[in-house]
Amino acid sequence: MSTTVSFFPFDLFGSRGAGAGAELLADAVREMLADNKREQLPTRARAYAGQVRLREFGFETPAAYHDWRRQGRRAVRDAWKRGDFLCWMAGNHLGVLPVYDELSGDNDTLVVQFDAHLDVYHLSDCTSELSHGNFLMHCAGPLPALVNLGHRELLLPPEHVGAYYRATFPASALAVDPEPALAYLRRAGGEASRVFLDLDCDVFDRAYFPAVAHPVPFGLSPHLLLRLLDAVWSERVVGLAVSEFDPARDSGDHCLATLVWLLEYLLLKRYEGRPATNAPPEGRKRLDRLSDGPSR
């Protein structure tokens, strides 16, 4: 079961610096895979050795943007047709719209979104045209079942939010007691045929992750994010999107390291227990003996 990691540095209509974030992630993931390949001793990385393919998109010229949405959707469809696990590394959150387009009308997929914003803004100072703040309202068809965790929205009326989201768990509620959200994720994830994870980096509190264009106070800690991911994780998870990483606001590549660690952590969760065909028997035994929790 292969994994396709697609780098889609689209960042028009909001958060322009985030395109560079997707490109930097591509460099970091290539380096991670190259380091693993050079290692001579058995490591846990052999669980996914040879299973990861990279695909990069470029938007260097205005012409490259002409067909961005259909091009992205076709790439998503191709990965899932092959049965691949899809990691979609976008620029701004609007760059994840092709994934939502492909999932539109799919009643069997649950999308678990980690985002500081509910991207259905329709207030008087918001554009009605497609933007990174309202892109869910422009999906190609009916949205899949969508759950948000970690938003800090205070103004949108519940009836408007409810027209697009099945459930929302604001960061304020998660800070007081995350157990209702954890129980919901376990139940909803167990009932769904497929689960897709959508991580907008501004869901993090700025103290942990400053590298976003529009930080919002009172965000999630990485530790709580891991608890929420663990609650919904199963073999039904078919992919992950990451967006809104702005490296110009990073400090010492700390935020970059957070995202690369998280990606490898999820690769290990997916592949450990399924010995890689190219790992020698002694390597597989060593993998079995190592403790849980990735170490790089």
C-alpha atoms as a PDB file:
ATOM      1  CA  MET A   1       0.000   0.000   0.000  1.00  0.00           C
ATOM      2  CA  SER A   2       1.946   2.995  -1.287  1.00  0.00           C
ATOM      3  CA  THR A   3       1.854   6.608  -0.186  1.00  0.00           C
ATOM      4  CA  THR A   4       1.814   9.545  -2.574  1.00  0.00           C
ATOM      5  CA  VAL A   5       3.102  12.798  -1.112  1.00  0.00           C
ATOM      6  CA  SER A   6       1.998  15.624  -3.385  1.00  0.00           C
ATOM      7  CA  PHE A   7       3.389  19.143  -2.981  1.00  0.00           C
ATOM      8  CA  PHE A   8       0.886  21.651  -4.332  1.00  0.00           C
ATOM      9  CA  PRO A   9       2.251  25.162  -3.567  1.00  0.00           C
ATOM     10  CA  PHE A  10      -0.874  27.048  -4.596  1.00  0.00           C
ATOM     11  CA  ASP A  11      -1.259  30.220  -2.527  1.00  0.00           C
ATOM     12  CA  LEU A  12      -3.294  32.762  -4.492  1.00  0.00           C
ATOM     13  CA  PHE A  13      -6.212  34.631  -2.870  1.00  0.00           C
ATOM     14  CA  GLY A  14      -4.650  34.621   0.606  1.00  0.00           C
ATOM     15  CA  SER A  15      -1.477  33.668   2.520  1.00  0.00           C
ATOM     16  CA  ARG A  16       0.940  34.129  -0.389  1.00  0.00           C
ATOM     17  CA  GLY A  17       3.987  33.007   1.593  1.00  0.00           C
ATOM     18  CA  ALA A  18       2.494  29.570   2.169  1.00  0.00           C
ATOM     19  CA  GLY A  19       3.483  28.374  -1.300  1.00  0.00           C
ATOM     20  CA  ALA A  20       7.114  28.557  -0.229  1.00  0.00           C
ATOM     21  CA  GLY A  21       6.148  26.396   2.751  1.00  0.00           C
ATOM     22  CA  ALA A  22       4.997  23.551   0.505  1.00  0.00           C
ATOM     23  CA  GLU A  23       8.214  23.833  -1.518  1.00  0.00           C
ATOM     24  CA  LEU A  24      10.357  23.763   1.637  1.00  0.00           C
ATOM     25  CA  LEU A  25       8.451  20.726   2.888  1.00  0.00           C
ATOM     26  CA  ALA A  26       9.260  18.985  -0.405  1.00  0.00           C
ATOM     27  CA  ASP A  27      12.977  19.590   0.186  1.00  0.00           C
ATOM     28  CA  ALA A  28      12.737  18.379   3.788  1.00  0.00           C
ATOM     29  CA  VAL A  29      10.835  15.198   2.917  1.00  0.00           C
ATOM     30  CA  ARG A  30      13.307  14.384   0.133  1.00  0.00           C
ATOM     31  CA  GLU A  31      16.126  14.816   2.637  1.00  0.00           C
ATOM     32  CA  MET A  32      14.346  12.596   5.165  1.00  0.00           C
ATOM     33  CA  LEU A  33      13.896   9.812   2.620  1.00  0.00           C
ATOM     34  CA  ALA A  34      17.481  10.155   1.409  1.00  0.00           C
ATOM     35  CA  ASP A  35      18.801   9.949   4.986  1.00  0.00           C
ATOM     36  CA  ASN A  36      16.764   6.808   5.564  1.00  0.00           C
ATOM     37  CA  LYS A  37      18.045   5.237   2.360  1.00  0.00           C
ATOM     38  CA  ARG A  38      21.681   5.910   3.288  1.00  0.00           C
ATOM     39  CA  GLU A  39      21.323   4.360   6.744  1.00  0.00           C
ATOM     40  CA  GLN A  40      22.996   0.938   6.819  1.00  0.00           C
ATOM     41  CA  LEU A  41      21.640  -0.296  10.155  1.00  0.00           C
ATOM     42  CA  PRO A  42      18.014  -1.391  10.610  1.00  0.00           C
ATOM     43  CA  THR A  43      15.698   1.440  11.682  1.00  0.00           C
ATOM     44  CA  ARG A  44      11.949   1.833  11.925  1.00  0.00           C
ATOM     45  CA  ALA A  45      12.020   3.749   8.644  1.00  0.00           C
ATOM     46  CA  ARG A  46      12.329   0.394   6.843  1.00  0.00           C
ATOM     47  CA  ALA A  47       8.631  -0.094   7.583  1.00  0.00           C
ATOM     48  CA  TYR A  48       7.823   2.394   4.817  1.00  0.00           C
ATOM     49  CA  ALA A  49      11.007   2.094   2.731  1.00  0.00           C
ATOM     50  CA  GLY A  50      10.180   2.044  -0.963  1.00  0.00           C
ATOM     51  CA  GLN A  51       6.520   2.815  -0.290  1.00  0.00           C
ATOM     52  CA  VAL A  52       6.618   6.623  -0.665  1.00  0.00           C
ATOM     53  CA  ARG A  53       6.451   8.402  -4.005  1.00  0.00           C
ATOM     54  CA  LEU A  54       6.762  12.186  -4.319  1.00  0.00           C
ATOM     55  CA  ARG A  55       4.938  14.395  -6.772  1.00  0.00           C
ATOM     56  CA  GLU A  56       5.573  18.121  -7.136  1.00  0.00           C
ATOM     57  CA  PHE A  57       3.534  20.786  -8.881  1.00  0.00           C
ATOM     58  CA  GLY A  58       4.902  24.144  -9.985  1.00  0.00           C
ATOM     59  CA  PHE A  59       3.239  27.531 -10.215  1.00  0.00           C
ATOM     60  CA  GLU A  60       6.134  29.648 -11.473  1.00  0.00           C
ATOM     61  CA  THR A  61       4.175  31.374 -14.255  1.00  0.00           C
ATOM     62  CA  PRO A  62       0.651  32.826 -14.585  1.00  0.00           C
ATOM     63  CA  ALA A  63      -0.129  30.150 -17.179  1.00  0.00           C
ATOM     64  CA  ALA A  64       0.548  27.442 -14.605  1.00  0.00           C
ATOM     65  CA  TYR A  65      -2.435  28.649 -12.578  1.00  0.00           C
ATOM     66  CA  HIS A  66      -4.870  28.377 -15.462  1.00  0.00           C
ATOM     67  CA  ASP A  67      -6.114  24.883 -14.680  1.00  0.00           C
ATOM     68  CA  TRP A  68      -4.950  24.539 -11.064  1.00  0.00           C
ATOM     69  CA  ARG A  69      -8.179  23.204  -9.624  1.00  0.00           C
ATOM     70  CA  ARG A  70      -8.877  20.509 -12.204  1.00  0.00           C
ATOM     71  CA  GLN A  71      -5.188  19.562 -12.306  1.00  0.00           C
ATOM     72  CA  GLY A  72      -5.161  19.092  -8.541  1.00  0.00           C
ATOM     73  CA  ARG A  73      -8.377  17.132  -8.512  1.00  0.00           C
ATOM     74  CA  ARG A  74      -7.083  14.777 -11.184  1.00  0.00           C
ATOM     75  CA  ALA A  75      -3.944  14.136  -9.129  1.00  0.00           C
ATOM     76  CA  VAL A  76      -6.038  13.338  -6.039  1.00  0.00           C
ATOM     77  CA  ARG A  77      -8.247  10.974  -8.029  1.00  0.00           C
ATOM     78  CA  ASP A  78      -5.242   9.201  -9.575  1.00  0.00           C
ATOM     79  CA  ALA A  79      -3.648   8.570  -6.161  1.00  0.00           C
ATOM     80  CA  TRP A  80      -6.810   7.104  -4.695  1.00  0.00           C
ATOM     81  CA  LYS A  81      -7.489   5.010  -7.796  1.00  0.00           C
ATOM     82  CA  ARG A  82      -4.130   3.355  -7.179  1.00  0.00           C
ATOM     83  CA  GLY A  83      -5.188   2.722  -3.589  1.00  0.00           C
ATOM     84  CA  ASP A  84      -2.498   5.046  -2.263  1.00  0.00           C
ATOM     85  CA  PHE A  85      -2.477   6.889   1.030  1.00  0.00           C
ATOM     86  CA  LEU A  86      -2.461  10.573   0.007  1.00  0.00           C
ATOM     87  CA  CYS A  87      -0.440  13.290   1.722  1.00  0.00           C
ATOM     88  CA  TRP A  88      -1.433  16.604   0.136  1.00  0.00           C
ATOM     89  CA  MET A  89       0.994  19.413   1.050  1.00  0.00           C
ATOM     90  CA  ALA A  90      -0.652  22.632  -0.067  1.00  0.00           C
ATOM     91  CA  GLY A  91       0.326  26.271   0.109  1.00  0.00           C
ATOM     92  CA  ASN A  92      -2.624  28.098   1.615  1.00  0.00           C
ATOM     93  CA  HIS A  93      -5.765  26.272   2.684  1.00  0.00           C
ATOM     94  CA  LEU A  94      -7.440  27.068  -0.629  1.00  0.00           C
ATOM     95  CA  GLY A  95      -4.904  24.692  -2.159  1.00  0.00           C
ATOM     96  CA  VAL A  96      -6.781  21.819  -0.482  1.00  0.00           C
ATOM     97  CA  LEU A  97      -9.969  22.613  -2.427  1.00  0.00           C
ATOM     98  CA  PRO A  98      -9.168  20.003  -5.136  1.00  0.00           C
ATOM     99  CA  VAL A  99      -9.329  17.337  -2.421  1.00  0.00           C
ATOM    100  CA  TYR A 100     -12.731  18.592  -1.287  1.00  0.00           C
ATOM    101  CA  ASP A 101     -13.862  18.726  -4.918  1.00  0.00           C
ATOM    102  CA  GLU A 102     -12.930  15.063  -5.344  1.00  0.00           C
ATOM    103  CA  LEU A 103     -14.732  14.147  -2.097  1.00  0.00           C
ATOM    104  CA  SER A 104     -17.842  16.168  -2.913  1.00  0.00           C
ATOM    105  CA  GLY A 105     -21.016  14.118  -2.775  1.00  0.00           C
ATOM    106  CA  ASP A 106     -19.179  11.298  -0.988  1.00  0.00           C
ATOM    107  CA  ASN A 107     -21.407  10.213   1.879  1.00  0.00           C
ATOM    108  CA  ASP A 108     -18.958   7.546   3.050  1.00  0.00           C
ATOM    109  CA  THR A 109     -15.989   9.785   3.874  1.00  0.00           C
ATOM    110  CA  LEU A 110     -15.527  11.762   7.074  1.00  0.00           C
ATOM    111  CA  VAL A 111     -13.221  14.787   6.850  1.00  0.00           C
ATOM    112  CA  VAL A 112     -11.655  15.753  10.166  1.00  0.00           C
ATOM    113  CA  GLN A 113     -10.436  19.317   9.896  1.00  0.00           C
ATOM    114  CA  PHE A 114      -8.019  20.986  12.292  1.00  0.00           C
ATOM    115  CA  ASP A 115      -8.292  24.712  11.627  1.00  0.00           C
ATOM    116  CA  ALA A 116      -8.472  27.988  13.533  1.00  0.00           C
ATOM    117  CA  HIS A 117     -11.051  29.234  11.024  1.00  0.00           C
ATOM    118  CA  LEU A 118     -14.342  27.904   9.733  1.00  0.00           C
ATOM    119  CA  ASP A 119     -13.800  28.596   6.050  1.00  0.00           C
ATOM    120  CA  VAL A 120     -17.368  29.595   5.241  1.00  0.00           C
ATOM    121  CA  TYR A 121     -17.076  33.333   5.854  1.00  0.00           C
ATOM    122  CA  HIS A 122     -19.866  35.419   4.380  1.00  0.00           C
ATOM    123  CA  LEU A 123     -19.704  38.582   6.499  1.00  0.00           C
ATOM    124  CA  SER A 124     -20.106  42.022   4.952  1.00  0.00           C
ATOM    125  CA  ASP A 125     -16.356  42.650   4.690  1.00  0.00           C
ATOM    126  CA  CYS A 126     -15.671  39.239   3.129  1.00  0.00           C
ATOM    127  CA  THR A 127     -15.493  38.670  -0.599  1.00  0.00           C
ATOM    128  CA  SER A 128     -18.130  36.419  -2.118  1.00  0.00           C
ATOM    129  CA  GLU A 129     -15.623  35.315  -4.745  1.00  0.00           C
ATOM    130  CA  LEU A 130     -13.455  32.279  -4.133  1.00  0.00           C
ATOM    131  CA  SER A 131     -10.860  32.854  -1.411  1.00  0.00           C
ATOM    132  CA  HIS A 132      -8.998  30.893   1.241  1.00  0.00           C
ATOM    133  CA  GLY A 133     -11.608  32.110   3.772  1.00  0.00           C
ATOM    134  CA  ASN A 134     -14.747  30.846   2.015  1.00  0.00           C
ATOM    135  CA  PHE A 135     -13.566  28.036  -0.245  1.00  0.00           C
ATOM    136  CA  LEU A 136     -15.806  25.404   1.353  1.00  0.00           C
ATOM    137  CA  MET A 137     -18.787  27.354   0.002  1.00  0.00           C
ATOM    138  CA  HIS A 138     -17.340  26.930  -3.508  1.00  0.00           C
ATOM    139  CA  CYS A 139     -16.857  23.161  -3.459  1.00  0.00           C
ATOM    140  CA  ALA A 140     -17.736  21.409  -6.710  1.00  0.00           C
ATOM    141  CA  GLY A 141     -20.646  19.585  -5.039  1.00  0.00           C
ATOM    142  CA  PRO A 142     -22.103  18.778  -1.634  1.00  0.00           C
ATOM    143  CA  LEU A 143     -19.416  18.667   1.020  1.00  0.00           C
ATOM    144  CA  PRO A 144     -18.552  15.333   2.624  1.00  0.00           C
ATOM    145  CA  ALA A 145     -19.283  14.910   6.325  1.00  0.00           C
ATOM    146  CA  LEU A 146     -17.063  17.573   7.844  1.00  0.00           C
ATOM    147  CA  VAL A 147     -15.952  18.003  11.464  1.00  0.00           C
ATOM    148  CA  ASN A 148     -13.835  20.897  12.713  1.00  0.00           C
ATOM    149  CA  LEU A 149     -11.622  20.822  15.772  1.00  0.00           C
ATOM    150  CA  GLY A 150      -9.762  23.788  17.187  1.00  0.00           C
ATOM    151  CA  HIS A 151     -11.539  26.758  15.622  1.00  0.00           C
ATOM    152  CA  ARG A 152     -11.635  30.113  17.398  1.00  0.00           C
ATOM    153  CA  GLU A 153     -14.655  31.516  15.596  1.00  0.00           C
ATOM    154  CA  LEU A 154     -16.867  33.794  17.713  1.00  0.00           C
ATOM    155  CA  LEU A 155     -19.149  35.564  15.209  1.00  0.00           C
ATOM    156  CA  LEU A 156     -20.592  33.169  12.628  1.00  0.00           C
ATOM    157  CA  PRO A 157     -24.198  32.148  13.498  1.00  0.00           C
ATOM    158  CA  PRO A 158     -24.648  28.460  14.400  1.00  0.00           C
ATOM    159  CA  GLU A 159     -27.232  27.908  11.676  1.00  0.00           C
ATOM    160  CA  HIS A 160     -24.780  29.105   9.014  1.00  0.00           C
ATOM    161  CA  VAL A 161     -21.987  26.915  10.379  1.00  0.00           C
ATOM    162  CA  GLY A 162     -24.353  23.943  10.648  1.00  0.00           C
ATOM    163  CA  ALA A 163     -25.144  24.164   6.947  1.00  0.00           C
ATOM    164  CA  TYR A 164     -21.566  23.089   6.182  1.00  0.00           C
ATOM    165  CA  TYR A 165     -20.236  21.263   9.244  1.00  0.00           C
ATOM    166  CA  ARG A 166     -21.597  18.136  10.862  1.00  0.00           C
ATOM    167  CA  ALA A 167     -19.948  19.087  14.155  1.00  0.00           C
ATOM    168  CA  THR A 168     -17.485  21.655  15.500  1.00  0.00           C
ATOM    169  CA  PHE A 169     -15.359  21.607  18.639  1.00  0.00           C
ATOM    170  CA  PRO A 170     -13.878  25.048  19.362  1.00  0.00           C
ATOM    171  CA  ALA A 171     -10.469  25.380  20.954  1.00  0.00           C
ATOM    172  CA  SER A 172     -12.111  26.891  24.043  1.00  0.00           C
ATOM    173  CA  ALA A 173     -14.120  23.697  24.632  1.00  0.00           C
ATOM    174  CA  LEU A 174     -11.108  21.480  23.949  1.00  0.00           C
ATOM    175  CA  ALA A 175      -9.082  23.440  26.498  1.00  0.00           C
ATOM    176  CA  VAL A 176     -11.694  22.872  29.199  1.00  0.00           C
ATOM    177  CA  ASP A 177     -12.388  19.205  28.431  1.00  0.00           C
ATOM    178  CA  PRO A 178     -11.245  17.365  25.291  1.00  0.00           C
ATOM    179  CA  GLU A 179     -13.016  14.114  26.226  1.00  0.00           C
ATOM    180  CA  PRO A 180     -16.304  14.828  24.345  1.00  0.00           C
ATOM    181  CA  ALA A 181     -14.319  15.497  21.158  1.00  0.00           C
ATOM    182  CA  LEU A 182     -12.178  12.406  21.643  1.00  0.00           C
ATOM    183  CA  ALA A 183     -15.255  10.238  22.165  1.00  0.00           C
ATOM    184  CA  TYR A 184     -16.933  11.769  19.092  1.00  0.00           C
ATOM    185  CA  LEU A 185     -13.874  11.086  16.915  1.00  0.00           C
ATOM    186  CA  ARG A 186     -13.663   7.473  18.053  1.00  0.00           C
ATOM    187  CA  ARG A 187     -17.332   6.903  17.280  1.00  0.00           C
ATOM    188  CA  ALA A 188     -17.539   8.863  14.009  1.00  0.00           C
ATOM    189  CA  GLY A 189     -14.230   7.493  12.747  1.00  0.00           C
ATOM    190  CA  GLY A 190     -15.394   3.966  13.474  1.00  0.00           C
ATOM    191  CA  GLU A 191     -18.648   4.498  11.586  1.00  0.00           C
ATOM    192  CA  ALA A 192     -17.127   6.114   8.475  1.00  0.00           C
ATOM    193  CA  SER A 193     -15.940   4.005   5.564  1.00  0.00           C
ATOM    194  CA  ARG A 194     -13.044   6.414   4.983  1.00  0.00           C
ATOM    195  CA  VAL A 195     -11.464   9.260   6.945  1.00  0.00           C
ATOM    196  CA  PHE A 196      -9.440  12.158   5.590  1.00  0.00           C
ATOM    197  CA  LEU A 197      -7.447  14.513   7.836  1.00  0.00           C
ATOM    198  CA  ASP A 198      -7.109  18.209   6.988  1.00  0.00           C
ATOM    199  CA  LEU A 199      -4.508  20.147   9.024  1.00  0.00           C
ATOM    200  CA  ASP A 200      -4.364  23.920   8.651  1.00  0.00           C
ATOM    201  CA  CYS A 201      -1.259  24.937  10.615  1.00  0.00           C
ATOM    202  CA  ASP A 202      -2.995  27.925  12.211  1.00  0.00           C
ATOM    203  CA  VAL A 203      -4.886  25.468  14.421  1.00  0.00           C
ATOM    204  CA  PHE A 204      -1.757  25.464  16.607  1.00  0.00           C
ATOM    205  CA  ASP A 205      -1.230  28.057  19.279  1.00  0.00           C
ATOM    206  CA  ARG A 206       1.305  30.629  18.128  1.00  0.00           C
ATOM    207  CA  ALA A 207       3.553  29.782  21.069  1.00  0.00           C
ATOM    208  CA  TYR A 208       4.127  26.354  19.489  1.00  0.00           C
ATOM    209  CA  PHE A 209       3.818  27.212  15.798  1.00  0.00           C
ATOM    210  CA  PRO A 210       4.350  30.856  14.797  1.00  0.00           C
ATOM    211  CA  ALA A 211       4.932  30.125  11.093  1.00  0.00           C
ATOM    212  CA  VAL A 212       1.451  31.068   9.812  1.00  0.00           C
ATOM    213  CA  ALA A 213       0.221  34.230   8.136  1.00  0.00           C
ATOM    214  CA  HIS A 214      -2.860  34.710  10.302  1.00  0.00           C
ATOM    215  CA  PRO A 215      -2.209  33.387  13.825  1.00  0.00           C
ATOM    216  CA  VAL A 216      -5.195  33.290  16.170  1.00  0.00           C
ATOM    217  CA  PRO A 217      -4.864  33.240  19.985  1.00  0.00           C
ATOM    218  CA  PHE A 218      -5.724  30.275  22.207  1.00  0.00           C
ATOM    219  CA  GLY A 219      -4.802  27.522  19.767  1.00  0.00           C
ATOM    220  CA  LEU A 220      -4.065  23.844  20.250  1.00  0.00           C
ATOM    221  CA  SER A 221      -0.848  22.377  21.564  1.00  0.00           C
ATOM    222  CA  PRO A 222       0.921  19.694  19.493  1.00  0.00           C
ATOM    223  CA  HIS A 223       0.296  17.294  22.369  1.00  0.00           C
ATOM    224  CA  LEU A 224      -3.480  17.733  22.155  1.00  0.00           C
ATOM    225  CA  LEU A 225      -3.349  17.390  18.376  1.00  0.00           C
ATOM    226  CA  LEU A 226      -1.668  14.001  18.791  1.00  0.00           C
ATOM    227  CA  ARG A 227      -4.416  12.881  21.173  1.00  0.00           C
ATOM    228  CA  LEU A 228      -7.091  13.901  18.675  1.00  0.00           C
ATOM    229  CA  LEU A 229      -5.283  12.183  15.796  1.00  0.00           C
ATOM    230  CA  ASP A 230      -4.916   9.021  17.839  1.00  0.00           C
ATOM    231  CA  ALA A 231      -8.643   9.006  18.612  1.00  0.00           C
ATOM    232  CA  VAL A 232      -9.648   9.005  14.939  1.00  0.00           C
ATOM    233  CA  TRP A 233      -6.754   6.952  13.563  1.00  0.00           C
ATOM    234  CA  SER A 234      -7.415   3.580  11.973  1.00  0.00           C
ATOM    235  CA  GLU A 235      -6.780   1.802   8.693  1.00  0.00           C
ATOM    236  CA  ARG A 236      -9.774   3.752   7.370  1.00  0.00           C
ATOM    237  CA  VAL A 237      -7.677   6.935   7.214  1.00  0.00           C
ATOM    238  CA  VAL A 238      -6.899   7.486   3.537  1.00  0.00           C
ATOM    239  CA  GLY A 239      -4.927  10.688   3.648  1.00  0.00           C
ATOM    240  CA  LEU A 240      -3.751  13.918   5.193  1.00  0.00           C
ATOM    241  CA  ALA A 241      -3.623  17.500   3.941  1.00  0.00           C
ATOM    242  CA  VAL A 242      -1.295  20.139   5.399  1.00  0.00           C
ATOM    243  CA  SER A 243      -1.551  23.845   4.567  1.00  0.00           C
ATOM    244  CA  GLU A 244      -0.743  27.410   5.672  1.00  0.00           C
ATOM    245  CA  PHE A 245       2.893  26.842   6.655  1.00  0.00           C
ATOM    246  CA  ASP A 246       4.729  30.156   6.099  1.00  0.00           C
ATOM    247  CA  PRO A 247       8.492  29.539   6.500  1.00  0.00           C
ATOM    248  CA  ALA A 248       9.293  33.262   6.543  1.00  0.00           C
ATOM    249  CA  ARG A 249       7.743  33.364  10.030  1.00  0.00           C
ATOM    250  CA  ASP A 250       9.529  30.253  11.292  1.00  0.00           C
ATOM    251  CA  SER A 251      12.318  30.380  13.884  1.00  0.00           C
ATOM    252  CA  GLY A 252      15.246  28.029  13.526  1.00  0.00           C
ATOM    253  CA  ASP A 253      13.125  25.699  11.341  1.00  0.00           C
ATOM    254  CA  HIS A 254      11.208  24.604  14.456  1.00  0.00           C
ATOM    255  CA  CYS A 255       7.850  24.600  12.690  1.00  0.00           C
ATOM    256  CA  LEU A 256       9.301  22.794   9.688  1.00  0.00           C
ATOM    257  CA  ALA A 257      10.662  20.143  12.037  1.00  0.00           C
ATOM    258  CA  THR A 258       7.232  19.793  13.640  1.00  0.00           C
ATOM    259  CA  LEU A 259       5.586  19.034  10.295  1.00  0.00           C
ATOM    260  CA  VAL A 260       8.281  16.612   9.108  1.00  0.00           C
ATOM    261  CA  TRP A 261       8.151  14.773  12.446  1.00  0.00           C
ATOM    262  CA  LEU A 262       4.367  14.557  12.210  1.00  0.00           C
ATOM    263  CA  LEU A 263       4.492  13.204   8.663  1.00  0.00           C
ATOM    264  CA  GLU A 264       6.983  10.496   9.596  1.00  0.00           C
ATOM    265  CA  TYR A 265       5.012   9.715  12.750  1.00  0.00           C
ATOM    266  CA  LEU A 266       1.906   9.059  10.643  1.00  0.00           C
ATOM    267  CA  LEU A 267       3.868   7.022   8.099  1.00  0.00           C
ATOM    268  CA  LEU A 268       5.076   4.795  10.921  1.00  0.00           C
ATOM    269  CA  LYS A 269       1.548   4.477  12.313  1.00  0.00           C
ATOM    270  CA  ARG A 270       0.402   3.399   8.871  1.00  0.00           C
ATOM    271  CA  TYR A 271       3.178   0.970   7.981  1.00  0.00           C
ATOM    272  CA  GLU A 272       4.473  -0.567  11.174  1.00  0.00           C
ATOM    273  CA  GLY A 273       3.072  -4.020  11.651  1.00  0.00           C
ATOM    274  CA  ARG A 274       3.222  -4.496   7.880  1.00  0.00           C
ATOM    275  CA  PRO A 275       6.860  -5.569   7.245  1.00  0.00           C
ATOM    276  CA  ALA A 276       8.278  -3.958   4.115  1.00  0.00           C
ATOM    277  CA  THR A 277       8.979  -6.501   1.385  1.00  0.00           C
ATOM    278  CA  ASN A 278      12.501  -5.139   0.919  1.00  0.00           C
ATOM    279  CA  ALA A 279      13.422  -5.327   4.628  1.00  0.00           C
ATOM    280  CA  PRO A 280      15.593  -8.317   5.567  1.00  0.00           C
ATOM    281  CA  PRO A 281      14.307 -10.675   8.286  1.00  0.00           C
ATOM    282  CA  GLU A 282      16.785  -9.366  10.845  1.00  0.00           C
ATOM    283  CA  GLY A 283      15.565  -5.830  10.119  1.00  0.00           C
ATOM    284  CA  ARG A 284      11.978  -6.839  10.667  1.00  0.00           C
ATOM    285  CA  LYS A 285      12.839  -8.441  14.000  1.00  0.00           C
ATOM    286  CA  ARG A 286      14.616  -5.274  15.067  1.00  0.00           C
ATOM    287  CA  LEU A 287      11.597  -3.179  14.118  1.00  0.00           C
ATOM    288  CA  ASP A 288       9.362  -5.364  16.240  1.00  0.00           C
ATOM    289  CA  ARG A 289      11.563  -4.838  19.268  1.00  0.00           C
ATOM    290  CA  LEU A 290      11.640  -1.050  19.074  1.00  0.00           C
ATOM    291  CA  SER A 291       9.285   0.922  21.302  1.00  0.00           C
ATOM    292  CA  ASP A 292       6.220   2.828  20.129  1.00  0.00           C
ATOM    293  CA  GLY A 293       6.650   6.456  19.181  1.00  0.00           C
ATOM    294  CA  PRO A 294       8.916   7.634  16.356  1.00  0.00           C
ATOM    295  CA  SER A 295      12.488   8.660  17.072  1.00  0.00           C
ATOM    296  CA  ARG A 296      14.554  10.733  14.653  1.00  0.00           C
END
